[in-house]
């Protein structure tokens, strides 16, 4: 995932005005957390753009195979 995201310039547009991310507080929201790679990449990109990432949240999490009871593992 590393290197797959980037902030394009201008980053955001609101009513025709372009917003700078420098110093902006951001929360990263992800639909599903598996390895955390997409959250880490979003953090990297936003930080490089000058944003202050204060947290991250995901709606769901996928259990790792090692966390599953053996009865639930399908081979």
N, C-alpha and C. Protein backbone atom coordinates (compact mmCIF):
# COMPACT_ATOMS: atom_id res chain seq x y z
N UNK A 1 0.82 -1.19 0.00
CA UNK A 1 0.00 0.00 0.00
C UNK A 1 0.87 1.26 0.00
N UNK A 2 2.09 1.15 0.54
CA UNK A 2 2.94 2.33 0.67
C UNK A 2 3.22 2.96 -0.69
N UNK A 3 3.01 4.26 -0.75
CA UNK A 3 3.25 5.00 -1.99
C UNK A 3 2.07 5.02 -2.95
N UNK A 4 0.95 4.40 -2.57
CA UNK A 4 -0.19 4.31 -3.49
C UNK A 4 -1.12 5.52 -3.41
N UNK A 5 -1.04 6.30 -2.35
CA UNK A 5 -1.90 7.47 -2.20
C UNK A 5 -1.08 8.75 -2.32
N UNK A 6 -1.75 9.82 -2.70
CA UNK A 6 -1.09 11.13 -2.73
C UNK A 6 -2.14 12.22 -2.60
N UNK A 7 -1.73 13.37 -2.11
CA UNK A 7 -2.60 14.53 -2.03
C UNK A 7 -2.31 15.36 -3.26
N UNK A 8 -3.33 15.57 -4.05
CA UNK A 8 -3.16 16.37 -5.27
C UNK A 8 -3.32 17.84 -4.93
N UNK A 9 -2.62 18.66 -5.63
CA UNK A 9 -2.73 20.11 -5.42
C UNK A 9 -3.64 20.69 -6.48
N UNK A 10 -4.60 21.46 -6.19
CA UNK A 10 -5.06 21.78 -4.85
C UNK A 10 -5.75 20.59 -4.19
N UNK A 11 -5.60 20.48 -2.89
CA UNK A 11 -6.09 19.31 -2.17
C UNK A 11 -7.61 19.24 -2.11
N UNK A 12 -8.24 20.31 -1.71
CA UNK A 12 -9.69 20.31 -1.51
C UNK A 12 -10.30 21.58 -2.09
N UNK A 13 -11.55 21.47 -2.45
CA UNK A 13 -12.24 22.66 -2.94
C UNK A 13 -13.56 22.80 -2.18
N UNK A 14 -13.81 23.99 -1.70
CA UNK A 14 -15.06 24.26 -1.00
C UNK A 14 -15.64 25.54 -1.59
N UNK A 15 -16.73 25.40 -2.28
CA UNK A 15 -17.40 26.55 -2.89
C UNK A 15 -16.43 27.37 -3.75
N UNK A 16 -15.59 26.65 -4.50
CA UNK A 16 -14.68 27.33 -5.42
C UNK A 16 -13.39 27.80 -4.80
N UNK A 17 -13.26 27.66 -3.47
CA UNK A 17 -12.00 28.05 -2.79
C UNK A 17 -11.19 26.79 -2.52
N UNK A 18 -9.92 26.88 -2.76
CA UNK A 18 -9.05 25.75 -2.49
C UNK A 18 -8.50 25.84 -1.08
N UNK A 19 -8.54 24.73 -0.38
CA UNK A 19 -8.12 24.69 1.01
C UNK A 19 -6.74 24.07 1.15
N UNK A 20 -5.96 24.61 2.05
CA UNK A 20 -4.64 24.10 2.36
C UNK A 20 -4.76 23.16 3.55
N UNK A 21 -4.08 22.03 3.52
CA UNK A 21 -4.15 21.07 4.62
C UNK A 21 -3.18 21.41 5.75
N UNK A 22 -2.30 22.36 5.56
CA UNK A 22 -1.31 22.71 6.59
C UNK A 22 -1.99 23.09 7.90
N UNK A 23 -1.66 22.35 8.96
CA UNK A 23 -2.21 22.65 10.27
C UNK A 23 -3.64 22.19 10.50
N UNK A 24 -4.27 21.63 9.51
CA UNK A 24 -5.67 21.16 9.67
C UNK A 24 -5.70 19.89 10.50
N UNK A 25 -6.67 19.79 11.38
CA UNK A 25 -6.87 18.58 12.17
C UNK A 25 -7.65 17.58 11.32
N UNK A 26 -7.18 16.35 11.28
CA UNK A 26 -7.82 15.31 10.45
C UNK A 26 -8.05 14.05 11.26
N UNK A 27 -9.13 13.36 10.95
CA UNK A 27 -9.40 12.03 11.47
C UNK A 27 -9.54 11.12 10.26
N UNK A 28 -8.81 10.04 10.24
CA UNK A 28 -8.86 9.09 9.13
C UNK A 28 -9.98 8.10 9.41
N UNK A 29 -10.86 7.92 8.45
CA UNK A 29 -11.97 6.96 8.57
C UNK A 29 -11.80 5.89 7.49
N UNK A 30 -11.87 4.64 7.88
CA UNK A 30 -11.72 3.52 6.95
C UNK A 30 -12.93 2.61 7.11
N UNK A 31 -13.33 1.96 6.04
CA UNK A 31 -14.49 1.08 6.13
C UNK A 31 -14.16 -0.22 6.86
N UNK A 32 -13.05 -0.86 6.51
CA UNK A 32 -12.66 -2.12 7.13
C UNK A 32 -11.16 -2.09 7.41
N UNK A 33 -10.77 -2.43 8.63
CA UNK A 33 -9.35 -2.52 8.96
C UNK A 33 -8.92 -3.98 8.89
N UNK A 34 -7.99 -4.26 8.03
CA UNK A 34 -7.44 -5.63 7.96
C UNK A 34 -6.02 -5.59 8.51
N UNK A 35 -5.08 -5.09 7.73
CA UNK A 35 -3.69 -5.01 8.19
C UNK A 35 -3.36 -3.64 8.75
N UNK A 36 -4.18 -2.64 8.46
CA UNK A 36 -3.89 -1.28 8.88
C UNK A 36 -3.06 -0.51 7.87
N UNK A 37 -2.73 -1.14 6.75
CA UNK A 37 -1.87 -0.51 5.74
C UNK A 37 -2.52 0.72 5.12
N UNK A 38 -3.82 0.69 4.86
CA UNK A 38 -4.46 1.84 4.23
C UNK A 38 -4.52 3.03 5.20
N UNK A 39 -4.72 2.75 6.49
CA UNK A 39 -4.72 3.82 7.48
C UNK A 39 -3.32 4.40 7.61
N UNK A 40 -2.31 3.55 7.63
CA UNK A 40 -0.92 4.02 7.72
C UNK A 40 -0.55 4.87 6.52
N UNK A 41 -0.99 4.46 5.34
CA UNK A 41 -0.68 5.22 4.12
C UNK A 41 -1.41 6.56 4.12
N UNK A 42 -2.67 6.59 4.56
CA UNK A 42 -3.40 7.85 4.65
C UNK A 42 -2.73 8.78 5.64
N UNK A 43 -2.26 8.23 6.76
CA UNK A 43 -1.54 9.03 7.75
C UNK A 43 -0.28 9.64 7.14
N UNK A 44 0.47 8.83 6.41
CA UNK A 44 1.71 9.31 5.78
C UNK A 44 1.44 10.46 4.84
N UNK A 45 0.45 10.28 3.98
CA UNK A 45 0.14 11.29 2.96
C UNK A 45 -0.37 12.59 3.59
N UNK A 46 -1.28 12.47 4.54
CA UNK A 46 -1.82 13.67 5.18
C UNK A 46 -0.74 14.41 5.97
N UNK A 47 0.10 13.67 6.66
CA UNK A 47 1.18 14.29 7.42
C UNK A 47 2.15 15.03 6.51
N UNK A 48 2.50 14.41 5.38
CA UNK A 48 3.39 15.06 4.42
C UNK A 48 2.78 16.32 3.84
N UNK A 49 1.45 16.38 3.79
CA UNK A 49 0.76 17.56 3.27
C UNK A 49 0.60 18.63 4.35
N UNK A 50 1.08 18.33 5.58
CA UNK A 50 1.04 19.32 6.64
C UNK A 50 -0.12 19.19 7.60
N UNK A 51 -0.98 18.20 7.38
CA UNK A 51 -2.14 18.01 8.26
C UNK A 51 -1.70 17.41 9.60
N UNK A 52 -2.50 17.64 10.61
CA UNK A 52 -2.26 17.06 11.94
C UNK A 52 -3.31 15.96 12.14
N UNK A 53 -2.89 14.72 11.99
CA UNK A 53 -3.81 13.60 12.13
C UNK A 53 -3.96 13.29 13.61
N UNK A 54 -5.19 13.43 14.11
CA UNK A 54 -5.43 13.25 15.54
C UNK A 54 -5.97 11.87 15.88
N UNK A 55 -6.35 11.09 14.88
CA UNK A 55 -6.85 9.75 15.15
C UNK A 55 -7.29 9.05 13.89
N UNK A 56 -7.68 7.81 14.09
CA UNK A 56 -8.17 6.99 12.98
C UNK A 56 -9.27 6.08 13.51
N UNK A 57 -10.22 5.75 12.67
CA UNK A 57 -11.31 4.86 13.06
C UNK A 57 -11.68 3.98 11.88
N UNK A 58 -12.14 2.78 12.19
CA UNK A 58 -12.63 1.86 11.17
C UNK A 58 -13.99 1.33 11.63
N UNK A 59 -14.85 1.09 10.67
CA UNK A 59 -16.20 0.60 10.97
C UNK A 59 -16.16 -0.87 11.36
N UNK A 60 -15.29 -1.64 10.74
CA UNK A 60 -15.20 -3.08 11.00
C UNK A 60 -13.75 -3.52 10.97
N UNK A 61 -13.49 -4.67 11.56
CA UNK A 61 -12.15 -5.23 11.59
C UNK A 61 -12.23 -6.70 11.19
N UNK A 62 -11.30 -7.13 10.37
CA UNK A 62 -11.24 -8.52 9.97
C UNK A 62 -10.32 -9.25 10.94
N UNK A 63 -10.81 -10.37 11.46
CA UNK A 63 -9.97 -11.15 12.37
C UNK A 63 -8.86 -11.83 11.59
N UNK A 64 -7.69 -11.85 12.17
CA UNK A 64 -6.57 -12.57 11.56
C UNK A 64 -6.83 -14.06 11.72
N UNK A 65 -6.29 -14.81 10.80
CA UNK A 65 -6.45 -16.26 10.83
C UNK A 65 -6.01 -16.84 12.18
N UNK A 66 -4.94 -16.29 12.75
CA UNK A 66 -4.43 -16.78 14.02
C UNK A 66 -5.37 -16.51 15.18
N UNK A 67 -6.31 -15.57 15.01
CA UNK A 67 -7.27 -15.25 16.08
C UNK A 67 -8.54 -16.11 16.01
N UNK A 68 -8.73 -16.81 14.91
CA UNK A 68 -9.94 -17.62 14.75
C UNK A 68 -9.82 -18.97 15.43
N UNK A 69 -10.92 -19.45 16.03
CA UNK A 69 -10.91 -20.82 16.53
C UNK A 69 -10.74 -21.77 15.35
N UNK A 70 -10.06 -22.89 15.56
CA UNK A 70 -9.78 -23.82 14.46
C UNK A 70 -11.06 -24.31 13.79
N UNK A 71 -12.19 -24.31 14.48
CA UNK A 71 -13.45 -24.77 13.90
C UNK A 71 -13.97 -23.82 12.83
N UNK A 72 -13.49 -22.56 12.81
CA UNK A 72 -13.97 -21.57 11.85
C UNK A 72 -13.03 -21.41 10.64
N UNK A 73 -11.91 -22.07 10.65
CA UNK A 73 -10.95 -21.94 9.53
C UNK A 73 -11.34 -22.90 8.43
N UNK A 74 -11.54 -22.34 7.24
CA UNK A 74 -11.88 -23.13 6.06
C UNK A 74 -10.62 -23.28 5.22
N UNK A 75 -10.23 -24.49 4.96
CA UNK A 75 -9.01 -24.71 4.16
C UNK A 75 -9.33 -24.91 2.71
